[in-house]
Every structure is written in structure tokens, then in C-alpha cells.
Amino acid sequence: MSKLFMSVTGLAAAGALAFGATGTQAASTTLLPAGHSFAAKLTGKATFVAGSTMMTCTVSASVPTSGANNTVPAAPGNHNAAGPVSAPINPPTFSGCSTSIAGVSVTVTSNATNGAWSLSTQNGAPVAAGFTIPKGGVVLKTSGFANCTITASPSGPTAVNGTWTNGAPSSLAISGAPVPATVTGGFLCPTGNQSATFSATYQITDTTDPAQQITVTG
């Protein structure tokens, strides 16, 4: 029984792909190329852990559509002399998700109902980066052995922090980032406030000119 409880709590961490702010380092930051659109796509698996229980998703992405989301700010907005540079992004999608508990499946829905998602970058050694998930920005629903609704970031925006590496393509690696969640439902659901951790690596690619790279400098 307790193992199932931990499993459902771990599912709440899927909202962690809904992305967070960077640290407090005040170095000069420039996100390049200015005005270019970008996509963030999972490489490998996203792992959600609570206690001894794990959930994985094999597909997750935030891609540009219309409007300003998933676009590096135009100059001079892509430069901050004393802090991070951020860009709004479309809510990421999640699929290919499974749990380590037999008889429990999960669906994941992201939204921007209560605020925008964003990608933030902060130049440094190492370069800090992450996503911000707005209030209630990810909702998970389990079915089968336990029917629960898990709302990630229930009280306000949540920072999901990681490390950026410039490359071809550049990448954002998140390791063990904490994610608050609230669980509701019937019997077997660990109702109330919960927490878990999230780990994943996203490749950040330039969709305006695939021959170029999205990079962070001073």
C-alpha cells in the first residue's frame, strides 16, 4: 500500500517538466542568436522519483508555434548586464509515460491558464538555466489501481533548475529538482501536499536556422 502511495507522489513530479527560474548569480548574460526561435526536446528519459518509486516519460517537448513563445528576445532584450535572460515558452507536452507500479497508468496535461512558462539562462561557471512552471501548470491523472489527480506547482510558480551546456545542440540538464504538488482523489490516493524530484536532459535547437546554435555567453 505504501509503495503505491509513493508511486502516485512520484507522478506529481511530471509537472517538473513545466520549467523554472535560474539562480541568483548576477553575471552578465547574453542569449543568442537574438530573435531566433528554438525548441526544447527531451533526450533519453525524464525520471520522476519519490521514495523508492520511479516514473519515466520518453517524450517531452516545447516547440514554437505562433507568437513570441520559444523565441530568443530581440536585441537588446537578449542581453542583461547584471542577471538572467528569460524567454516565454509554450507549455511542454509529455507522452510515453509509465509507472513502476503494475496496474497504474497516467496521462499528463500541461497548460498556461494561470501564467506563462519560461526558459531562463544565467551566464556563469557553470551556466545556470531552467524552466518555470506556472501555478497549476501541469495536471496528472492516474487510472487503474488508483484514480488520482495530481496538480504540480499548486500555490504559484515553481523553479526547476539545472545546468546549461553550449554545444551542437546546446543542452539543459536537470538533476533531482524538487517539485511541489497537491493530490486529490479517492481510496489509495495520498491526498494533500506532496513532493518529489525530477531529472531530465533537454536539447535546445535553433528552429529559425538549424545551422546555428542557441548559446549563452556574457
C-alpha atoms as a PDB file:
ATOM      1  CA  MET A   1       0.000   0.000   0.000  1.00  0.00           C
ATOM      2  CA  SER A   2       2.723   2.472   0.971  1.00  0.00           C
ATOM      3  CA  LYS A   3       4.577   1.648  -2.241  1.00  0.00           C
ATOM      4  CA  LEU A   4       1.553   2.726  -4.245  1.00  0.00           C
ATOM      5  CA  PHE A   5       1.348   5.922  -2.247  1.00  0.00           C
ATOM      6  CA  MET A   6       4.949   6.715  -3.105  1.00  0.00           C
ATOM      7  CA  SER A   7       4.288   5.914  -6.746  1.00  0.00           C
ATOM      8  CA  VAL A   8       1.451   8.384  -7.080  1.00  0.00           C
ATOM      9  CA  THR A   9       3.504  11.018  -5.288  1.00  0.00           C
ATOM     10  CA  GLY A  10       6.287  10.438  -7.801  1.00  0.00           C
ATOM     11  CA  LEU A  11       3.876  11.047 -10.652  1.00  0.00           C
ATOM     12  CA  ALA A  12       3.385  14.559  -9.381  1.00  0.00           C
ATOM     13  CA  ALA A  13       6.933  15.326 -10.400  1.00  0.00           C
ATOM     14  CA  ALA A  14       5.989  15.163 -14.053  1.00  0.00           C
ATOM     15  CA  GLY A  15       4.962  18.767 -13.623  1.00  0.00           C
ATOM     16  CA  ALA A  16       8.577  19.471 -13.017  1.00  0.00           C
ATOM     17  CA  LEU A  17       8.961  19.466 -16.921  1.00  0.00           C
ATOM     18  CA  ALA A  18       6.988  22.544 -16.600  1.00  0.00           C
ATOM     19  CA  PHE A  19      10.043  24.663 -16.300  1.00  0.00           C
ATOM     20  CA  GLY A  20      11.860  27.087 -13.581  1.00  0.00           C
ATOM     21  CA  ALA A  21      13.940  30.118 -12.911  1.00  0.00           C
ATOM     22  CA  THR A  22      17.705  30.219 -12.584  1.00  0.00           C
ATOM     23  CA  GLY A  23      19.874  31.047  -9.598  1.00  0.00           C
ATOM     24  CA  THR A  24      20.841  34.391  -8.090  1.00  0.00           C
ATOM     25  CA  GLN A  25      24.250  34.861  -9.730  1.00  0.00           C
ATOM     26  CA  ALA A  26      24.495  38.409 -11.137  1.00  0.00           C
ATOM     27  CA  ALA A  27      26.919  37.916 -14.044  1.00  0.00           C
ATOM     28  CA  SER A  28      26.261  39.500 -17.430  1.00  0.00           C
ATOM     29  CA  THR A  29      24.189  37.187 -19.662  1.00  0.00           C
ATOM     30  CA  THR A  30      23.531  37.145 -23.422  1.00  0.00           C
ATOM     31  CA  LEU A  31      21.242  34.601 -25.103  1.00  0.00           C
ATOM     32  CA  LEU A  32      21.982  34.113 -28.813  1.00  0.00           C
ATOM     33  CA  PRO A  33      21.039  34.350 -31.648  1.00  0.00           C
ATOM     34  CA  ALA A  34      18.728  37.295 -30.947  1.00  0.00           C
ATOM     35  CA  GLY A  35      15.255  36.864 -32.394  1.00  0.00           C
ATOM     36  CA  HIS A  36      15.663  33.188 -33.308  1.00  0.00           C
ATOM     37  CA  SER A  37      13.046  30.588 -32.428  1.00  0.00           C
ATOM     38  CA  PHE A  38      14.033  27.453 -30.521  1.00  0.00           C
ATOM     39  CA  ALA A  39      12.718  24.062 -29.473  1.00  0.00           C
ATOM     40  CA  ALA A  40      13.403  22.146 -26.262  1.00  0.00           C
ATOM     41  CA  LYS A  41      13.201  18.379 -26.761  1.00  0.00           C
ATOM     42  CA  LEU A  42      13.860  15.599 -24.282  1.00  0.00           C
ATOM     43  CA  THR A  43      16.810  13.354 -24.961  1.00  0.00           C
ATOM     44  CA  GLY A  44      16.730   9.985 -23.215  1.00  0.00           C
ATOM     45  CA  LYS A  45      14.156   9.692 -20.451  1.00  0.00           C
ATOM     46  CA  ALA A  46      12.661  12.038 -17.903  1.00  0.00           C
ATOM     47  CA  THR A  47      12.721  10.410 -14.479  1.00  0.00           C
ATOM     48  CA  PHE A  48      10.423  11.205 -11.566  1.00  0.00           C
ATOM     49  CA  VAL A  49      11.321   9.731  -8.196  1.00  0.00           C
ATOM     50  CA  ALA A  50       9.549   9.636  -4.845  1.00  0.00           C
ATOM     51  CA  GLY A  51      10.985   7.334  -2.245  1.00  0.00           C
ATOM     52  CA  SER A  52      11.800   4.041  -3.982  1.00  0.00           C
ATOM     53  CA  THR A  53       9.250   4.555  -6.755  1.00  0.00           C
ATOM     54  CA  MET A  54      10.004   5.841 -10.244  1.00  0.00           C
ATOM     55  CA  MET A  55       8.048   7.108 -13.240  1.00  0.00           C
ATOM     56  CA  THR A  56       9.567   7.743 -16.654  1.00  0.00           C
ATOM     57  CA  CYS A  57       8.468   9.623 -19.766  1.00  0.00           C
ATOM     58  CA  THR A  58      10.192   9.058 -23.086  1.00  0.00           C
ATOM     59  CA  VAL A  59       8.845  12.073 -24.998  1.00  0.00           C
ATOM     60  CA  SER A  60       8.621  15.706 -23.911  1.00  0.00           C
ATOM     61  CA  ALA A  61       8.982  18.917 -25.896  1.00  0.00           C
ATOM     62  CA  SER A  62       8.224  22.614 -26.053  1.00  0.00           C
ATOM     63  CA  VAL A  63       8.234  23.818 -29.651  1.00  0.00           C
ATOM     64  CA  PRO A  64       7.493  27.172 -31.309  1.00  0.00           C
ATOM     65  CA  THR A  65       4.112  27.782 -32.913  1.00  0.00           C
ATOM     66  CA  SER A  66       2.801  31.309 -33.494  1.00  0.00           C
ATOM     67  CA  GLY A  67       3.505  34.387 -31.420  1.00  0.00           C
ATOM     68  CA  ALA A  68       6.570  35.219 -29.338  1.00  0.00           C
ATOM     69  CA  ASN A  69       6.856  31.983 -27.357  1.00  0.00           C
ATOM     70  CA  ASN A  70      10.014  29.908 -27.846  1.00  0.00           C
ATOM     71  CA  THR A  71      11.847  32.913 -29.264  1.00  0.00           C
ATOM     72  CA  VAL A  72      15.103  34.461 -28.044  1.00  0.00           C
ATOM     73  CA  PRO A  73      14.344  38.135 -27.252  1.00  0.00           C
ATOM     74  CA  ALA A  74      15.355  40.601 -29.940  1.00  0.00           C
ATOM     75  CA  ALA A  75      18.369  42.780 -29.174  1.00  0.00           C
ATOM     76  CA  PRO A  76      18.935  44.452 -26.781  1.00  0.00           C
ATOM     77  CA  GLY A  77      16.458  42.337 -24.776  1.00  0.00           C
ATOM     78  CA  ASN A  78      18.594  39.226 -25.226  1.00  0.00           C
ATOM     79  CA  HIS A  79      21.279  40.796 -23.004  1.00  0.00           C
ATOM     80  CA  ASN A  80      21.221  41.523 -19.268  1.00  0.00           C
ATOM     81  CA  ALA A  81      24.280  43.213 -17.795  1.00  0.00           C
ATOM     82  CA  ALA A  82      23.518  42.004 -14.275  1.00  0.00           C
ATOM     83  CA  GLY A  83      21.365  38.897 -14.314  1.00  0.00           C
ATOM     84  CA  PRO A  84      19.494  36.237 -16.283  1.00  0.00           C
ATOM     85  CA  VAL A  85      17.818  36.396 -19.680  1.00  0.00           C
ATOM     86  CA  SER A  86      14.426  34.721 -19.995  1.00  0.00           C
ATOM     87  CA  ALA A  87      12.135  33.761 -22.853  1.00  0.00           C
ATOM     88  CA  PRO A  88       8.493  32.625 -22.697  1.00  0.00           C
ATOM     89  CA  ILE A  89       7.862  29.099 -23.959  1.00  0.00           C
ATOM     90  CA  ASN A  90       4.860  27.019 -24.922  1.00  0.00           C
ATOM     91  CA  PRO A  91       3.744  24.510 -22.296  1.00  0.00           C
ATOM     92  CA  PRO A  92       5.686  21.295 -22.869  1.00  0.00           C
ATOM     93  CA  THR A  93       3.938  18.123 -23.924  1.00  0.00           C
ATOM     94  CA  PHE A  94       4.556  14.742 -22.278  1.00  0.00           C
ATOM     95  CA  SER A  95       3.946  11.241 -23.629  1.00  0.00           C
ATOM     96  CA  GLY A  96       5.310   7.739 -23.430  1.00  0.00           C
ATOM     97  CA  CYS A  97       4.898   7.810 -19.643  1.00  0.00           C
ATOM     98  CA  SER A  98       4.769   4.743 -17.431  1.00  0.00           C
ATOM     99  CA  THR A  99       4.992   3.894 -13.745  1.00  0.00           C
ATOM    100  CA  SER A 100       6.883   1.223 -11.854  1.00  0.00           C
ATOM    101  CA  ILE A 101       3.613   0.028 -10.271  1.00  0.00           C
ATOM    102  CA  ALA A 102       1.612  -2.608 -12.111  1.00  0.00           C
ATOM    103  CA  GLY A 103      -1.961  -1.582 -12.829  1.00  0.00           C
ATOM    104  CA  VAL A 104      -1.387   2.186 -12.646  1.00  0.00           C
ATOM    105  CA  SER A 105      -1.276   4.338 -15.798  1.00  0.00           C
ATOM    106  CA  VAL A 106      -1.035   8.107 -16.124  1.00  0.00           C
ATOM    107  CA  THR A 107      -1.907  10.946 -18.517  1.00  0.00           C
ATOM    108  CA  VAL A 108      -0.180  14.328 -18.345  1.00  0.00           C
ATOM    109  CA  THR A 109      -1.679  17.664 -19.449  1.00  0.00           C
ATOM    110  CA  SER A 110       0.164  20.983 -19.339  1.00  0.00           C
ATOM    111  CA  ASN A 111      -1.382  24.438 -19.512  1.00  0.00           C
ATOM    112  CA  ALA A 112      -0.708  28.172 -19.252  1.00  0.00           C
ATOM    113  CA  THR A 113      -4.038  29.018 -17.637  1.00  0.00           C
ATOM    114  CA  ASN A 114      -2.557  30.803 -14.614  1.00  0.00           C
ATOM    115  CA  GLY A 115       0.589  32.247 -16.153  1.00  0.00           C
ATOM    116  CA  ALA A 116       3.351  31.809 -18.676  1.00  0.00           C
ATOM    117  CA  TRP A 117       6.032  29.149 -18.847  1.00  0.00           C
ATOM    118  CA  SER A 118       9.575  30.389 -19.411  1.00  0.00           C
ATOM    119  CA  LEU A 119      13.156  29.347 -20.025  1.00  0.00           C
ATOM    120  CA  SER A 120      15.759  31.316 -18.058  1.00  0.00           C
ATOM    121  CA  THR A 121      19.516  31.367 -18.541  1.00  0.00           C
ATOM    122  CA  GLN A 122      22.231  32.853 -16.329  1.00  0.00           C
ATOM    123  CA  ASN A 123      25.834  33.044 -17.507  1.00  0.00           C
ATOM    124  CA  GLY A 124      28.391  31.680 -15.061  1.00  0.00           C
ATOM    125  CA  ALA A 125      30.653  28.745 -14.316  1.00  0.00           C
ATOM    126  CA  PRO A 126      28.681  26.616 -14.856  1.00  0.00           C
ATOM    127  CA  VAL A 127      25.915  28.329 -16.803  1.00  0.00           C
ATOM    128  CA  ALA A 128      22.660  28.034 -14.850  1.00  0.00           C
ATOM    129  CA  ALA A 129      19.357  27.512 -16.623  1.00  0.00           C
ATOM    130  CA  GLY A 130      15.907  26.128 -16.033  1.00  0.00           C
ATOM    131  CA  PHE A 131      12.195  26.254 -16.644  1.00  0.00           C
ATOM    132  CA  THR A 132       9.406  27.962 -14.721  1.00  0.00           C
ATOM    133  CA  ILE A 133       6.114  26.142 -14.319  1.00  0.00           C
ATOM    134  CA  PRO A 134       3.189  28.483 -13.530  1.00  0.00           C
ATOM    135  CA  LYS A 135       0.607  27.787 -10.857  1.00  0.00           C
ATOM    136  CA  GLY A 136      -1.207  24.555 -11.677  1.00  0.00           C
ATOM    137  CA  GLY A 137       0.703  24.309 -14.947  1.00  0.00           C
ATOM    138  CA  VAL A 138       0.721  20.507 -15.092  1.00  0.00           C
ATOM    139  CA  VAL A 139      -2.099  18.148 -14.168  1.00  0.00           C
ATOM    140  CA  LEU A 140      -1.571  14.382 -13.987  1.00  0.00           C
ATOM    141  CA  LYS A 141      -4.367  11.860 -13.759  1.00  0.00           C
ATOM    142  CA  THR A 142      -3.736   8.270 -12.773  1.00  0.00           C
ATOM    143  CA  SER A 143      -6.098   5.440 -13.582  1.00  0.00           C
ATOM    144  CA  GLY A 144      -6.386   1.752 -12.886  1.00  0.00           C
ATOM    145  CA  PHE A 145      -5.429   0.610  -9.407  1.00  0.00           C
ATOM    146  CA  ALA A 146      -5.544   4.224  -8.157  1.00  0.00           C
ATOM    147  CA  ASN A 147      -7.573   7.125  -9.595  1.00  0.00           C
ATOM    148  CA  CYS A 148      -5.890  10.322  -8.512  1.00  0.00           C
ATOM    149  CA  THR A 149      -5.427  13.880  -9.777  1.00  0.00           C
ATOM    150  CA  ILE A 150      -2.017  15.429  -9.168  1.00  0.00           C
ATOM    151  CA  THR A 151      -1.574  19.182  -9.669  1.00  0.00           C
ATOM    152  CA  ALA A 152       2.007  20.361  -9.861  1.00  0.00           C
ATOM    153  CA  SER A 153       3.051  23.792  -8.584  1.00  0.00           C
ATOM    154  CA  PRO A 154      -0.295  24.296  -6.809  1.00  0.00           C
ATOM    155  CA  SER A 155       0.467  27.554  -4.982  1.00  0.00           C
ATOM    156  CA  GLY A 156       2.407  29.579  -7.540  1.00  0.00           C
ATOM    157  CA  PRO A 157       5.296  29.466 -10.000  1.00  0.00           C
ATOM    158  CA  THR A 158       7.937  26.805  -9.376  1.00  0.00           C
ATOM    159  CA  ALA A 159      11.581  26.959 -10.462  1.00  0.00           C
ATOM    160  CA  VAL A 160      13.028  23.769 -11.927  1.00  0.00           C
ATOM    161  CA  ASN A 161      16.745  24.478 -12.025  1.00  0.00           C
ATOM    162  CA  GLY A 162      19.546  22.881 -13.988  1.00  0.00           C
ATOM    163  CA  THR A 163      22.817  23.428 -15.846  1.00  0.00           C
ATOM    164  CA  TRP A 164      23.251  24.663 -19.421  1.00  0.00           C
ATOM    165  CA  THR A 165      25.987  23.435 -21.763  1.00  0.00           C
ATOM    166  CA  ASN A 166      26.681  25.236 -25.039  1.00  0.00           C
ATOM    167  CA  GLY A 167      27.055  22.805 -27.914  1.00  0.00           C
ATOM    168  CA  ALA A 168      25.650  21.492 -31.171  1.00  0.00           C
ATOM    169  CA  PRO A 169      22.968  21.367 -29.939  1.00  0.00           C
ATOM    170  CA  SER A 170      23.121  23.053 -26.552  1.00  0.00           C
ATOM    171  CA  SER A 171      21.566  21.196 -23.637  1.00  0.00           C
ATOM    172  CA  LEU A 172      19.797  21.796 -20.350  1.00  0.00           C
ATOM    173  CA  ALA A 173      20.374  19.099 -17.724  1.00  0.00           C
ATOM    174  CA  ILE A 174      18.119  18.943 -14.645  1.00  0.00           C
ATOM    175  CA  SER A 175      19.030  16.604 -11.792  1.00  0.00           C
ATOM    176  CA  GLY A 176      16.878  15.921  -8.747  1.00  0.00           C
ATOM    177  CA  ALA A 177      14.931  19.180  -8.883  1.00  0.00           C
ATOM    178  CA  PRO A 178      12.198  19.330  -6.193  1.00  0.00           C
ATOM    179  CA  VAL A 179       8.591  19.827  -7.328  1.00  0.00           C
ATOM    180  CA  PRO A 180       5.640  20.571  -5.001  1.00  0.00           C
ATOM    181  CA  ALA A 181       2.264  19.031  -5.801  1.00  0.00           C
ATOM    182  CA  THR A 182      -1.227  18.549  -4.424  1.00  0.00           C
ATOM    183  CA  VAL A 183      -3.022  15.216  -4.759  1.00  0.00           C
ATOM    184  CA  THR A 184      -6.772  14.666  -4.712  1.00  0.00           C
ATOM    185  CA  GLY A 185      -8.815  11.524  -5.276  1.00  0.00           C
ATOM    186  CA  GLY A 186     -10.311   8.518  -3.616  1.00  0.00           C
ATOM    187  CA  PHE A 187      -9.041   5.440  -1.861  1.00  0.00           C
ATOM    188  CA  LEU A 188      -5.273   4.807  -2.244  1.00  0.00           C
ATOM    189  CA  CYS A 189      -4.546   8.407  -3.271  1.00  0.00           C
ATOM    190  CA  PRO A 190      -2.017  10.181  -0.993  1.00  0.00           C
ATOM    191  CA  THR A 191      -4.199  13.285  -0.730  1.00  0.00           C
ATOM    192  CA  GLY A 192      -2.742  16.594   0.376  1.00  0.00           C
ATOM    193  CA  ASN A 193       0.575  18.295  -0.249  1.00  0.00           C
ATOM    194  CA  GLN A 194       3.324  16.112  -1.695  1.00  0.00           C
ATOM    195  CA  SER A 195       6.803  16.486  -3.174  1.00  0.00           C
ATOM    196  CA  ALA A 196       9.111  14.558  -5.490  1.00  0.00           C
ATOM    197  CA  THR A 197      12.200  15.083  -7.654  1.00  0.00           C
ATOM    198  CA  PHE A 198      12.685  15.337 -11.409  1.00  0.00           C
ATOM    199  CA  SER A 199      15.673  14.636 -13.653  1.00  0.00           C
ATOM    200  CA  ALA A 200      15.941  15.072 -17.431  1.00  0.00           C
ATOM    201  CA  THR A 201      18.073  16.497 -20.204  1.00  0.00           C
ATOM    202  CA  TYR A 202      16.639  18.686 -22.959  1.00  0.00           C
ATOM    203  CA  GLN A 203      18.337  19.581 -26.225  1.00  0.00           C
ATOM    204  CA  ILE A 204      17.803  23.208 -27.249  1.00  0.00           C
ATOM    205  CA  THR A 205      17.832  23.652 -31.021  1.00  0.00           C
ATOM    206  CA  ASP A 206      17.583  26.707 -33.297  1.00  0.00           C
ATOM    207  CA  THR A 207      14.471  26.311 -35.455  1.00  0.00           C
ATOM    208  CA  THR A 208      14.956  29.576 -37.365  1.00  0.00           C
ATOM    209  CA  ASP A 209      18.330  28.447 -38.718  1.00  0.00           C
ATOM    210  CA  PRO A 210      19.197  24.823 -37.827  1.00  0.00           C
ATOM    211  CA  ALA A 211      22.818  25.512 -38.823  1.00  0.00           C
ATOM    212  CA  GLN A 212      23.162  27.819 -35.811  1.00  0.00           C
ATOM    213  CA  GLN A 213      23.070  27.038 -32.085  1.00  0.00           C
ATOM    214  CA  ILE A 214      21.251  28.592 -29.126  1.00  0.00           C
ATOM    215  CA  THR A 215      24.056  29.683 -26.796  1.00  0.00           C
ATOM    216  CA  VAL A 216      24.594  31.547 -23.526  1.00  0.00           C
ATOM    217  CA  THR A 217      27.517  33.955 -23.146  1.00  0.00           C
ATOM    218  CA  GLY A 218      28.435  37.018 -21.088  1.00  0.00           C
END
